[in-house]
N, C-alpha and C. Protein backbone atom coordinates (compact mmCIF):
# COMPACT_ATOMS: atom_id res chain seq x y z
N MET A 1 -14.26 10.65 7.43
CA MET A 1 -15.22 9.71 6.90
C MET A 1 -14.60 8.31 6.90
N ARG A 2 -15.39 7.34 7.28
CA ARG A 2 -14.97 5.94 7.27
C ARG A 2 -15.12 5.34 5.88
N VAL A 3 -14.11 4.57 5.48
CA VAL A 3 -14.12 3.87 4.20
C VAL A 3 -13.62 2.46 4.46
N LEU A 4 -14.21 1.50 3.79
CA LEU A 4 -13.74 0.12 3.91
C LEU A 4 -12.74 -0.17 2.81
N GLU A 5 -11.62 -0.76 3.19
CA GLU A 5 -10.68 -1.33 2.22
C GLU A 5 -11.04 -2.80 2.16
N ILE A 6 -11.37 -3.27 0.96
CA ILE A 6 -11.76 -4.67 0.77
C ILE A 6 -10.77 -5.31 -0.19
N LYS A 7 -10.04 -6.29 0.34
CA LYS A 7 -9.01 -6.97 -0.43
C LYS A 7 -9.47 -8.39 -0.72
N ARG A 8 -9.40 -8.77 -2.00
CA ARG A 8 -9.74 -10.13 -2.40
C ARG A 8 -8.45 -10.84 -2.81
N THR A 9 -8.23 -12.01 -2.23
CA THR A 9 -7.00 -12.74 -2.49
C THR A 9 -7.17 -13.67 -3.69
N LEU A 10 -6.05 -14.18 -4.18
CA LEU A 10 -6.09 -15.12 -5.31
C LEU A 10 -6.75 -16.44 -4.92
N GLU A 11 -6.81 -16.73 -3.64
CA GLU A 11 -7.46 -17.97 -3.19
C GLU A 11 -8.95 -17.77 -2.94
N GLY A 12 -9.46 -16.55 -3.14
CA GLY A 12 -10.88 -16.30 -3.00
C GLY A 12 -11.31 -15.74 -1.66
N ALA A 13 -10.38 -15.52 -0.74
CA ALA A 13 -10.73 -14.93 0.56
C ALA A 13 -10.95 -13.43 0.42
N THR A 14 -11.75 -12.89 1.31
CA THR A 14 -11.98 -11.45 1.36
C THR A 14 -11.58 -10.94 2.73
N LYS A 15 -10.78 -9.88 2.75
CA LYS A 15 -10.36 -9.24 4.00
C LYS A 15 -10.82 -7.80 3.97
N THR A 16 -11.42 -7.34 5.06
CA THR A 16 -11.98 -6.00 5.13
C THR A 16 -11.36 -5.23 6.28
N TYR A 17 -10.97 -3.98 6.01
CA TYR A 17 -10.34 -3.13 7.00
C TYR A 17 -11.08 -1.79 7.03
N ALA A 18 -11.40 -1.32 8.23
CA ALA A 18 -12.02 0.00 8.38
C ALA A 18 -10.91 1.04 8.40
N CYS A 19 -11.01 2.03 7.52
CA CYS A 19 -9.99 3.07 7.38
C CYS A 19 -10.65 4.45 7.46
N ARG A 20 -9.83 5.46 7.56
CA ARG A 20 -10.29 6.84 7.45
C ARG A 20 -9.97 7.32 6.04
N ALA A 21 -10.89 8.04 5.45
CA ALA A 21 -10.66 8.56 4.10
C ALA A 21 -9.96 9.90 4.19
N ALA A 22 -8.89 10.04 3.44
CA ALA A 22 -8.25 11.34 3.28
C ALA A 22 -8.73 11.96 1.97
N GLU A 23 -8.92 11.10 0.96
CA GLU A 23 -9.42 11.55 -0.34
C GLU A 23 -10.00 10.36 -1.07
N VAL A 24 -11.17 10.55 -1.64
CA VAL A 24 -11.78 9.52 -2.46
C VAL A 24 -12.31 10.20 -3.71
N ALA A 25 -11.76 9.82 -4.86
CA ALA A 25 -12.18 10.36 -6.15
C ALA A 25 -12.50 9.17 -7.06
N ALA A 26 -13.00 9.45 -8.23
CA ALA A 26 -13.39 8.37 -9.14
C ALA A 26 -12.19 7.51 -9.56
N ASP A 27 -11.00 8.13 -9.70
CA ASP A 27 -9.86 7.40 -10.24
C ASP A 27 -8.75 7.11 -9.22
N HIS A 28 -8.88 7.61 -7.99
CA HIS A 28 -7.86 7.35 -6.98
C HIS A 28 -8.44 7.56 -5.58
N ALA A 29 -7.75 7.02 -4.60
CA ALA A 29 -8.16 7.21 -3.21
C ALA A 29 -6.92 7.21 -2.33
N VAL A 30 -7.04 7.90 -1.20
CA VAL A 30 -6.00 7.91 -0.18
C VAL A 30 -6.70 7.60 1.14
N LEU A 31 -6.29 6.50 1.76
CA LEU A 31 -6.89 6.06 3.02
C LEU A 31 -5.84 6.06 4.12
N LEU A 32 -6.30 6.21 5.35
CA LEU A 32 -5.42 6.22 6.51
C LEU A 32 -5.80 5.09 7.45
N TYR A 33 -4.78 4.45 8.00
CA TYR A 33 -5.01 3.38 8.97
C TYR A 33 -3.84 3.41 9.96
N THR A 34 -4.14 3.36 11.25
CA THR A 34 -3.10 3.36 12.27
C THR A 34 -3.00 1.97 12.90
N LEU A 35 -1.79 1.42 12.91
CA LEU A 35 -1.57 0.11 13.51
C LEU A 35 -1.67 0.22 15.02
N GLU A 36 -2.51 -0.61 15.59
CA GLU A 36 -2.67 -0.60 17.05
C GLU A 36 -1.56 -1.39 17.73
N ARG A 37 -1.08 -2.44 17.06
CA ARG A 37 -0.07 -3.31 17.65
C ARG A 37 1.16 -3.36 16.74
N PRO A 38 2.32 -3.60 17.33
CA PRO A 38 3.51 -3.72 16.49
C PRO A 38 3.44 -4.97 15.61
N ARG A 39 4.10 -4.88 14.47
CA ARG A 39 4.25 -6.04 13.60
C ARG A 39 5.48 -5.84 12.74
N ALA A 40 5.88 -6.86 12.05
CA ALA A 40 7.02 -6.77 11.15
C ALA A 40 6.58 -7.27 9.78
N VAL A 41 7.06 -6.60 8.74
CA VAL A 41 6.76 -6.99 7.37
C VAL A 41 8.07 -6.96 6.59
N GLY A 42 8.44 -8.10 6.06
CA GLY A 42 9.66 -8.17 5.26
C GLY A 42 10.90 -7.71 6.00
N GLY A 43 10.93 -7.91 7.32
CA GLY A 43 12.07 -7.50 8.11
C GLY A 43 12.03 -6.06 8.59
N VAL A 44 10.97 -5.34 8.24
CA VAL A 44 10.81 -3.96 8.71
C VAL A 44 9.89 -3.96 9.92
N ALA A 45 10.38 -3.42 11.03
CA ALA A 45 9.58 -3.32 12.26
C ALA A 45 8.62 -2.14 12.15
N LEU A 46 7.35 -2.42 12.39
CA LEU A 46 6.31 -1.39 12.38
C LEU A 46 5.75 -1.31 13.80
N PRO A 47 6.16 -0.30 14.57
CA PRO A 47 5.67 -0.22 15.95
C PRO A 47 4.19 0.15 16.01
N GLY A 48 3.57 -0.16 17.14
CA GLY A 48 2.20 0.31 17.35
C GLY A 48 2.19 1.83 17.17
N GLY A 49 1.12 2.33 16.58
CA GLY A 49 1.04 3.76 16.29
C GLY A 49 1.55 4.15 14.92
N THR A 50 2.09 3.17 14.16
CA THR A 50 2.53 3.45 12.79
C THR A 50 1.32 3.85 11.95
N LEU A 51 1.47 4.91 11.20
CA LEU A 51 0.41 5.38 10.31
C LEU A 51 0.64 4.82 8.91
N THR A 52 -0.40 4.20 8.36
CA THR A 52 -0.38 3.78 6.96
C THR A 52 -1.14 4.82 6.16
N VAL A 53 -0.46 5.43 5.19
CA VAL A 53 -1.12 6.30 4.22
C VAL A 53 -1.16 5.47 2.94
N ALA A 54 -2.35 5.00 2.58
CA ALA A 54 -2.50 4.05 1.48
C ALA A 54 -3.02 4.76 0.23
N TYR A 55 -2.31 4.58 -0.87
CA TYR A 55 -2.64 5.22 -2.15
C TYR A 55 -3.12 4.15 -3.13
N TYR A 56 -4.27 4.40 -3.74
CA TYR A 56 -4.89 3.48 -4.70
C TYR A 56 -5.20 4.23 -5.99
N TRP A 57 -5.01 3.56 -7.11
CA TRP A 57 -5.34 4.13 -8.42
C TRP A 57 -6.05 3.06 -9.24
N ILE A 58 -7.01 3.47 -10.05
CA ILE A 58 -7.70 2.47 -10.87
C ILE A 58 -6.91 2.11 -12.13
N ASP A 59 -5.92 2.92 -12.49
CA ASP A 59 -5.18 2.67 -13.72
C ASP A 59 -3.75 2.15 -13.49
N ARG A 60 -3.46 1.69 -12.29
CA ARG A 60 -2.14 1.13 -11.99
C ARG A 60 -2.31 -0.28 -11.43
N PRO A 61 -1.36 -1.18 -11.74
CA PRO A 61 -1.47 -2.55 -11.25
C PRO A 61 -0.85 -2.72 -9.86
N TYR A 62 -0.96 -1.70 -9.04
CA TYR A 62 -0.44 -1.74 -7.68
C TYR A 62 -1.10 -0.65 -6.85
N ASN A 63 -0.99 -0.82 -5.54
CA ASN A 63 -1.28 0.27 -4.61
C ASN A 63 -0.06 0.37 -3.70
N VAL A 64 0.04 1.46 -2.95
CA VAL A 64 1.22 1.70 -2.12
C VAL A 64 0.79 2.07 -0.71
N TYR A 65 1.38 1.38 0.26
CA TYR A 65 1.23 1.77 1.66
C TYR A 65 2.49 2.52 2.07
N HIS A 66 2.33 3.76 2.47
CA HIS A 66 3.44 4.56 2.99
C HIS A 66 3.37 4.46 4.50
N TRP A 67 4.36 3.78 5.11
CA TRP A 67 4.36 3.56 6.55
C TRP A 67 5.20 4.62 7.23
N ILE A 68 4.56 5.35 8.14
CA ILE A 68 5.22 6.43 8.87
C ILE A 68 5.15 6.09 10.36
N GLY A 69 6.32 6.01 10.98
CA GLY A 69 6.40 5.64 12.39
C GLY A 69 5.89 6.73 13.31
N PRO A 70 5.66 6.37 14.57
CA PRO A 70 5.18 7.35 15.55
C PRO A 70 6.13 8.54 15.72
N ASP A 71 7.40 8.36 15.36
CA ASP A 71 8.36 9.46 15.46
C ASP A 71 8.35 10.35 14.22
N GLY A 72 7.48 10.02 13.23
CA GLY A 72 7.36 10.84 12.03
C GLY A 72 8.26 10.44 10.88
N ARG A 73 9.08 9.42 11.07
CA ARG A 73 9.99 9.00 10.00
C ARG A 73 9.34 7.94 9.12
N THR A 74 9.65 8.00 7.84
CA THR A 74 9.18 6.96 6.93
C THR A 74 9.90 5.66 7.26
N LEU A 75 9.12 4.59 7.45
CA LEU A 75 9.67 3.27 7.74
C LEU A 75 9.85 2.46 6.47
N ALA A 76 8.91 2.56 5.54
CA ALA A 76 8.98 1.81 4.29
C ALA A 76 7.81 2.21 3.40
N TYR A 77 7.91 1.77 2.15
CA TYR A 77 6.82 1.86 1.17
C TYR A 77 6.55 0.43 0.74
N TYR A 78 5.28 0.05 0.76
CA TYR A 78 4.91 -1.33 0.47
C TYR A 78 3.98 -1.33 -0.73
N PHE A 79 4.47 -1.84 -1.84
CA PHE A 79 3.69 -1.92 -3.07
C PHE A 79 2.99 -3.28 -3.11
N ASN A 80 1.67 -3.26 -3.11
CA ASN A 80 0.87 -4.47 -3.30
C ASN A 80 0.57 -4.59 -4.79
N LEU A 81 1.01 -5.65 -5.43
CA LEU A 81 0.63 -5.86 -6.82
C LEU A 81 -0.85 -6.18 -6.83
N SER A 82 -1.58 -5.54 -7.74
CA SER A 82 -3.03 -5.71 -7.71
C SER A 82 -3.61 -5.88 -9.10
N GLY A 83 -4.73 -6.57 -9.10
CA GLY A 83 -5.56 -6.66 -10.29
C GLY A 83 -6.49 -5.46 -10.26
N ALA A 84 -7.70 -5.66 -10.62
CA ALA A 84 -8.67 -4.56 -10.69
C ALA A 84 -8.82 -3.85 -9.35
N THR A 85 -8.90 -2.52 -9.42
CA THR A 85 -9.19 -1.69 -8.25
C THR A 85 -10.46 -0.93 -8.55
N ARG A 86 -11.39 -0.99 -7.60
CA ARG A 86 -12.68 -0.31 -7.74
C ARG A 86 -12.83 0.67 -6.58
N ILE A 87 -13.16 1.90 -6.91
CA ILE A 87 -13.26 2.95 -5.89
C ILE A 87 -14.67 3.51 -5.89
N ALA A 88 -15.27 3.52 -4.72
CA ALA A 88 -16.58 4.13 -4.51
C ALA A 88 -16.49 5.00 -3.26
N ARG A 89 -17.52 5.76 -3.02
CA ARG A 89 -17.49 6.72 -1.91
C ARG A 89 -17.15 6.09 -0.56
N GLU A 90 -17.64 4.93 -0.28
CA GLU A 90 -17.47 4.32 1.04
C GLU A 90 -16.64 3.04 1.02
N ARG A 91 -15.99 2.74 -0.12
CA ARG A 91 -15.20 1.51 -0.18
C ARG A 91 -14.16 1.57 -1.30
N VAL A 92 -13.05 0.91 -1.03
CA VAL A 92 -12.01 0.69 -2.04
C VAL A 92 -11.80 -0.81 -2.07
N GLU A 93 -12.04 -1.40 -3.23
CA GLU A 93 -11.91 -2.85 -3.40
C GLU A 93 -10.79 -3.12 -4.39
N TRP A 94 -9.99 -4.12 -4.07
CA TRP A 94 -8.91 -4.46 -4.99
C TRP A 94 -8.58 -5.94 -4.90
N ASP A 95 -8.04 -6.46 -5.99
CA ASP A 95 -7.67 -7.86 -6.09
C ASP A 95 -6.17 -7.98 -5.82
N ASP A 96 -5.82 -8.66 -4.75
CA ASP A 96 -4.44 -8.83 -4.32
C ASP A 96 -3.79 -9.93 -5.16
N LEU A 97 -2.70 -9.60 -5.84
CA LEU A 97 -1.98 -10.58 -6.65
C LEU A 97 -0.88 -11.29 -5.85
N GLU A 98 -0.87 -11.09 -4.54
CA GLU A 98 -0.02 -11.79 -3.57
C GLU A 98 1.43 -11.32 -3.54
N VAL A 99 2.01 -10.98 -4.66
CA VAL A 99 3.40 -10.56 -4.70
C VAL A 99 3.46 -9.07 -4.32
N ASP A 100 4.49 -8.73 -3.54
CA ASP A 100 4.64 -7.36 -3.06
C ASP A 100 6.06 -6.89 -3.29
N VAL A 101 6.25 -5.58 -3.27
CA VAL A 101 7.59 -5.00 -3.36
C VAL A 101 7.74 -4.05 -2.18
N LEU A 102 8.73 -4.33 -1.34
CA LEU A 102 9.02 -3.51 -0.18
C LEU A 102 10.19 -2.60 -0.53
N VAL A 103 9.99 -1.30 -0.31
CA VAL A 103 11.04 -0.32 -0.59
C VAL A 103 11.37 0.40 0.71
N THR A 104 12.64 0.38 1.08
CA THR A 104 13.09 1.05 2.29
C THR A 104 13.37 2.53 1.99
N PRO A 105 13.49 3.35 3.03
CA PRO A 105 13.69 4.79 2.79
C PRO A 105 14.93 5.12 1.96
N ASP A 106 15.91 4.22 1.90
CA ASP A 106 17.09 4.46 1.06
C ASP A 106 16.87 4.00 -0.38
N ALA A 107 15.61 3.71 -0.74
CA ALA A 107 15.18 3.36 -2.10
C ALA A 107 15.64 1.97 -2.56
N ARG A 108 15.93 1.09 -1.61
CA ARG A 108 16.23 -0.29 -1.98
C ARG A 108 14.94 -1.08 -2.06
N ALA A 109 14.76 -1.80 -3.15
CA ALA A 109 13.53 -2.57 -3.38
C ALA A 109 13.80 -4.06 -3.27
N ARG A 110 12.84 -4.76 -2.63
CA ARG A 110 12.89 -6.22 -2.55
C ARG A 110 11.53 -6.77 -2.92
N VAL A 111 11.52 -7.76 -3.79
CA VAL A 111 10.28 -8.43 -4.17
C VAL A 111 10.01 -9.51 -3.12
N LEU A 112 8.76 -9.53 -2.62
CA LEU A 112 8.37 -10.47 -1.57
C LEU A 112 7.23 -11.38 -2.05
N ASP A 113 7.16 -12.52 -1.45
CA ASP A 113 6.00 -13.42 -1.54
C ASP A 113 5.76 -14.06 -2.91
N GLU A 114 6.76 -14.11 -3.75
CA GLU A 114 6.56 -14.76 -5.05
C GLU A 114 6.22 -16.25 -4.88
N ASP A 115 6.67 -16.82 -3.78
CA ASP A 115 6.40 -18.23 -3.52
C ASP A 115 4.99 -18.48 -2.98
N ARG A 116 4.25 -17.42 -2.74
CA ARG A 116 2.90 -17.57 -2.16
C ARG A 116 1.78 -17.54 -3.19
N VAL A 117 2.12 -17.42 -4.46
CA VAL A 117 1.09 -17.43 -5.50
C VAL A 117 0.53 -18.85 -5.59
N PRO A 118 -0.77 -19.01 -5.37
CA PRO A 118 -1.35 -20.36 -5.41
C PRO A 118 -1.24 -20.99 -6.80
N VAL A 119 -1.07 -22.30 -6.80
CA VAL A 119 -0.98 -23.04 -8.06
C VAL A 119 -2.21 -22.77 -8.93
N ALA A 120 -3.36 -22.67 -8.29
CA ALA A 120 -4.61 -22.43 -9.03
C ALA A 120 -4.61 -21.08 -9.75
N ALA A 121 -3.71 -20.18 -9.37
CA ALA A 121 -3.65 -18.86 -9.99
C ALA A 121 -2.55 -18.77 -11.05
N ALA A 122 -2.05 -19.91 -11.51
CA ALA A 122 -0.96 -19.92 -12.49
C ALA A 122 -1.30 -19.13 -13.75
N GLY A 123 -2.56 -19.08 -14.12
CA GLY A 123 -2.98 -18.31 -15.30
C GLY A 123 -2.78 -16.81 -15.13
N ARG A 124 -2.57 -16.35 -13.90
CA ARG A 124 -2.36 -14.92 -13.65
C ARG A 124 -0.89 -14.55 -13.56
N LEU A 125 0.00 -15.53 -13.75
CA LEU A 125 1.44 -15.25 -13.66
C LEU A 125 1.91 -14.17 -14.63
N PRO A 126 1.43 -14.13 -15.89
CA PRO A 126 1.85 -13.04 -16.77
C PRO A 126 1.41 -11.66 -16.24
N GLU A 127 0.21 -11.58 -15.67
CA GLU A 127 -0.28 -10.33 -15.09
C GLU A 127 0.59 -9.92 -13.90
N ILE A 128 0.97 -10.89 -13.08
CA ILE A 128 1.83 -10.63 -11.93
C ILE A 128 3.20 -10.15 -12.39
N ALA A 129 3.75 -10.82 -13.39
CA ALA A 129 5.07 -10.44 -13.91
C ALA A 129 5.05 -9.03 -14.48
N ALA A 130 3.99 -8.68 -15.20
CA ALA A 130 3.88 -7.33 -15.78
C ALA A 130 3.75 -6.28 -14.68
N ALA A 131 2.95 -6.58 -13.65
CA ALA A 131 2.79 -5.63 -12.54
C ALA A 131 4.11 -5.46 -11.79
N ARG A 132 4.81 -6.55 -11.54
CA ARG A 132 6.11 -6.48 -10.85
C ARG A 132 7.09 -5.64 -11.67
N ALA A 133 7.15 -5.87 -12.97
CA ALA A 133 8.06 -5.10 -13.83
C ALA A 133 7.71 -3.62 -13.79
N ARG A 134 6.43 -3.29 -13.79
CA ARG A 134 6.03 -1.88 -13.75
C ARG A 134 6.44 -1.25 -12.43
N VAL A 135 6.21 -1.93 -11.32
CA VAL A 135 6.63 -1.37 -10.02
C VAL A 135 8.13 -1.15 -10.00
N LEU A 136 8.90 -2.14 -10.44
CA LEU A 136 10.35 -2.00 -10.40
C LEU A 136 10.84 -0.88 -11.32
N ALA A 137 10.11 -0.59 -12.37
CA ALA A 137 10.48 0.51 -13.26
C ALA A 137 10.06 1.87 -12.72
N GLU A 138 8.98 1.92 -11.94
CA GLU A 138 8.40 3.19 -11.50
C GLU A 138 8.63 3.56 -10.04
N TYR A 139 9.07 2.62 -9.21
CA TYR A 139 8.99 2.84 -7.77
C TYR A 139 9.76 4.07 -7.28
N GLU A 140 10.88 4.41 -7.88
CA GLU A 140 11.64 5.57 -7.39
C GLU A 140 10.84 6.86 -7.55
N ASP A 141 10.20 7.04 -8.69
CA ASP A 141 9.35 8.22 -8.89
C ASP A 141 8.13 8.17 -7.98
N VAL A 142 7.54 6.99 -7.83
CA VAL A 142 6.33 6.86 -7.01
C VAL A 142 6.63 7.18 -5.55
N ILE A 143 7.73 6.66 -5.00
CA ILE A 143 8.00 6.94 -3.59
C ILE A 143 8.30 8.42 -3.35
N ARG A 144 8.93 9.08 -4.32
CA ARG A 144 9.14 10.53 -4.18
C ARG A 144 7.81 11.27 -4.13
N SER A 145 6.89 10.91 -5.02
CA SER A 145 5.61 11.62 -5.06
C SER A 145 4.74 11.25 -3.86
N VAL A 146 4.79 10.00 -3.42
CA VAL A 146 4.02 9.58 -2.25
C VAL A 146 4.54 10.29 -1.00
N GLU A 147 5.84 10.32 -0.83
CA GLU A 147 6.44 11.00 0.32
C GLU A 147 6.02 12.48 0.34
N ALA A 148 6.15 13.14 -0.79
CA ALA A 148 5.79 14.56 -0.87
C ALA A 148 4.30 14.76 -0.61
N ALA A 149 3.47 13.90 -1.18
CA ALA A 149 2.02 14.04 -1.00
C ALA A 149 1.63 13.80 0.45
N SER A 150 2.19 12.79 1.08
CA SER A 150 1.87 12.52 2.48
C SER A 150 2.26 13.70 3.35
N ARG A 151 3.46 14.21 3.16
CA ARG A 151 3.94 15.32 3.98
C ARG A 151 3.15 16.60 3.73
N ALA A 152 2.84 16.88 2.48
CA ALA A 152 2.10 18.11 2.16
C ALA A 152 0.65 18.03 2.63
N ARG A 153 0.05 16.90 2.44
CA ARG A 153 -1.37 16.75 2.73
C ARG A 153 -1.66 16.68 4.21
N PHE A 154 -0.80 16.02 4.95
CA PHE A 154 -1.12 15.72 6.34
C PHE A 154 -0.17 16.35 7.35
N ALA A 155 0.70 17.22 6.92
CA ALA A 155 1.73 17.74 7.81
C ALA A 155 1.16 18.41 9.05
N ASP A 156 0.02 19.04 8.94
CA ASP A 156 -0.49 19.81 10.07
C ASP A 156 -1.23 18.99 11.11
N ASP A 157 -1.80 17.84 10.71
CA ASP A 157 -2.63 17.16 11.71
C ASP A 157 -2.42 15.66 11.79
N ALA A 158 -2.49 14.94 10.69
CA ALA A 158 -2.54 13.48 10.78
C ALA A 158 -1.19 12.81 10.95
N LEU A 159 -0.11 13.43 10.48
CA LEU A 159 1.18 12.76 10.53
C LEU A 159 1.94 13.14 11.79
N PRO A 160 2.64 12.17 12.37
CA PRO A 160 3.55 12.52 13.46
C PRO A 160 4.67 13.40 12.89
N ARG A 161 5.22 14.23 13.70
CA ARG A 161 6.32 15.10 13.27
C ARG A 161 7.64 14.35 13.41
N PRO A 162 8.51 14.44 12.38
CA PRO A 162 9.83 13.80 12.50
C PRO A 162 10.62 14.44 13.63
N HIS A 163 11.37 13.61 14.34
CA HIS A 163 12.26 14.10 15.39
C HIS A 163 13.64 14.24 14.81
N SER A 164 14.35 15.26 15.19
CA SER A 164 15.71 15.45 14.68
C SER A 164 16.70 14.73 15.56
């Protein structure tokens, strides 16, 4: 089933991405998106064919993109700090707080994009700080559960197999 991921930025822009739904429930969603072209994020190379397994929750101030390369290996976990997340059958909408946390497979975390918060969004800095603190406190447990969920849920069909 197709689901739209709708991201609203702090500057008021809206970005929409067509994804495949793996699971959509009232309080969480798991969406799939395959990168057609290579790109790099925070120094991590994401080749074409990289699978994004995106996890969203309505009760967390973040969502997580689990990036799995065409060879089946985890490339990174990307935590988007978020405001409100709204989940419906055919769409997942969330407010992007601009700051992100990139976690590499060895569980090293780096905070990204703090300099990109618009001046007009200064009133949201306490919300951003609280979300960042929560991610930094929880990310090790979250990446373990995300990794296990991705592998268990999609091992037979959607995920590339790791090469030894």
